[in-house]
Protein backbone atom coordinates (compact mmCIF):
# COMPACT_ATOMS: atom_id res chain seq x y z
CA UNK A 1 -4.30 -11.03 -51.78
CA UNK A 2 -2.94 -8.33 -49.79
CA UNK A 3 -4.04 -4.63 -50.28
CA UNK A 4 -1.54 -1.75 -50.44
CA UNK A 5 -1.73 -0.74 -46.96
CA UNK A 6 0.49 1.16 -44.12
CA UNK A 7 -0.24 0.69 -40.46
CA UNK A 8 1.24 3.35 -37.96
CA UNK A 9 1.47 2.83 -34.15
CA UNK A 10 2.02 5.45 -32.05
CA UNK A 11 5.14 4.31 -29.49
CA UNK A 12 3.96 7.28 -27.31
CA UNK A 13 0.33 6.18 -27.02
CA UNK A 14 0.59 2.41 -27.28
CA UNK A 15 0.61 0.63 -23.45
CA UNK A 16 1.39 -2.70 -24.94
CA UNK A 17 -1.85 -4.13 -23.71
CA UNK A 18 -1.52 -6.70 -26.81
CA UNK A 19 -5.43 -6.57 -27.67
CA UNK A 20 -4.35 -5.50 -31.40
CA UNK A 21 -2.01 -8.40 -31.50
CA UNK A 22 -4.55 -10.77 -30.43
CA UNK A 23 -7.35 -9.50 -32.62
CA UNK A 24 -5.37 -9.51 -35.90
CA UNK A 25 -6.73 -12.53 -37.98
CA UNK A 26 -3.27 -12.39 -39.98
CA UNK A 27 -0.64 -11.99 -37.49
CA UNK A 28 0.52 -8.78 -38.91
CA UNK A 29 1.23 -6.92 -35.45
CA UNK A 30 3.66 -8.34 -32.63
CA UNK A 31 4.89 -7.04 -29.63
CA UNK A 32 8.23 -5.24 -29.89
CA UNK A 33 11.76 -6.23 -27.90
CA UNK A 34 12.27 -2.49 -27.34
CA UNK A 35 10.24 -0.31 -24.32
CA UNK A 36 8.46 3.11 -25.34
CA UNK A 37 9.49 6.23 -22.84
CA UNK A 38 7.11 4.72 -20.30
CA UNK A 39 8.80 0.92 -20.12
CA UNK A 40 5.93 -0.79 -22.36
CA UNK A 41 6.77 -3.43 -25.00
CA UNK A 42 4.67 -1.69 -27.62
CA UNK A 43 3.22 -3.20 -30.74
CA UNK A 44 5.21 -3.26 -33.87
CA UNK A 45 4.17 -4.43 -37.59
CA UNK A 46 5.90 -7.29 -38.41
CA UNK A 47 3.85 -8.42 -41.69
CA UNK A 48 2.38 -5.36 -43.38
CA UNK A 49 2.08 -7.66 -46.53
CA UNK A 50 -0.20 -9.91 -44.99
CA UNK A 51 -3.00 -7.25 -43.45
CA UNK A 52 -6.42 -7.53 -45.55
CA UNK A 53 -7.29 -3.83 -44.24
CA UNK A 54 -9.88 -5.28 -41.44
CA UNK A 55 -9.06 -2.70 -39.33
CA UNK A 56 -9.47 -4.65 -36.10
CA UNK A 57 -6.37 -3.38 -34.76
CA UNK A 58 -7.37 0.10 -35.24
CA UNK A 59 -11.09 -0.26 -34.00
CA UNK A 60 -9.88 -2.55 -30.87
CA UNK A 61 -7.01 -0.07 -29.79
CA UNK A 62 -8.34 1.59 -26.52
CA UNK A 63 -5.48 4.35 -26.67
CA UNK A 64 -5.86 4.77 -30.15
CA UNK A 65 -2.42 4.39 -30.97
CA UNK A 66 -3.10 2.54 -34.18
CA UNK A 67 -3.97 4.05 -37.65
CA UNK A 68 -4.28 2.22 -40.97
CA UNK A 69 -4.53 3.73 -44.01
CA UNK A 70 -5.05 1.94 -47.43
CA UNK A 71 -2.96 3.72 -50.32
């Protein structure tokens, strides 16, 4: 059962390292086809309804680019 959650990714801070994508147990995130202002493929939310609010993406992001909010 998914929770009511909002995942915010700051494209300006994301370096496209992919750590959040690798650590997500539910494949909520994926690499964007678009580039941010620095030429990086930033992470994007592709299945927010699958999020279990484990916050691994938020915790492991070395750039503090992800915020998970439970509504």
